[in-house]
Amino acid sequence: MNGKPKYKRVMLKISGEALAGENGFGLDFNTISGIIDTVVECVKLDVEVAIVVGGGNFWRGRQGSDMDRSRADHMGMLATVINSLALLDALESRGIEARVQTAIEMRQIAEPYIRLKAMNHLKHGKVVIFACGTGNPFFSTDTAAALRAAEIDAEVILLAKKVDGVYDSDPNINPNARKFDNLSYIDVINQRLGVMDTTATSLCMDNDIPIMVFGLNEPKNIIRVIMGEDIGTVVKG
């Protein structure tokens, strides 16, 4: 690919649902392959890539039950580990070194989250996948992405979603929904646009981390954003 990447270190946030592809549940390995092939391209351009992945393809919230919220959130954290190991395996099968770091210790299968160790991995060209969210219930993986992005000095959060940007209403329901090209953090919070939850958006605002929202239906969009193309929606100050 011609040109120079716009960003040196990025945080890629992928929803768990995105990994399920058209199946709606579990893992679709064709979908994962498309995502990881693009991540490999980024690594070959010397872009340092960190990833936070959700767990909604296996578990989301309390699933409509009266389950204790903290316990349900811990189950969701474990779901993110399954997804992270799948991404790790796909990366390693392509010859890319990667590490999974978990906010809840499970040393037999992943490293515990250590900020300086994560940054050292990134500097040496390894992809780092952060699992278990923040390690705390009542916080989403969006908040984890914002927190880890701030901690590792990521230049941008790449928010890969099923829709191709931010709209004023659900484009799957409203055919006249209006897409935004640019938004401020305050716009997102005040209009409750659902880009990220309020905690995550506030954290990005406080640390001046731009959020690039784009569709993951075409995995190549990841590298297009990294190369500086104006696709999707930009959220910044």
Foldseek 3Di string as FASTA:
>chain_A
DDAAFPFQEEEEEEEQQQQCPPVSADGDVVSLLQQLVLVVVCLVSNRQYEYEYWQVNHADAPVPDPDDRFVSLQVRLVSSVVVVVSNCVSCVVVVAAEFEEECDDDPVHHHHDDLVVSLVCSNVSYYYYYTSQNVGGPDGNLLSSLVSCLSNVGQAYEYEDQAFAFWLDDCVVDVPTDGALEEELVCCVVSVRPSDDNNSSVSCQVRFHKYAYGYCVRSNVVVVVRRPDRTYHIYTD
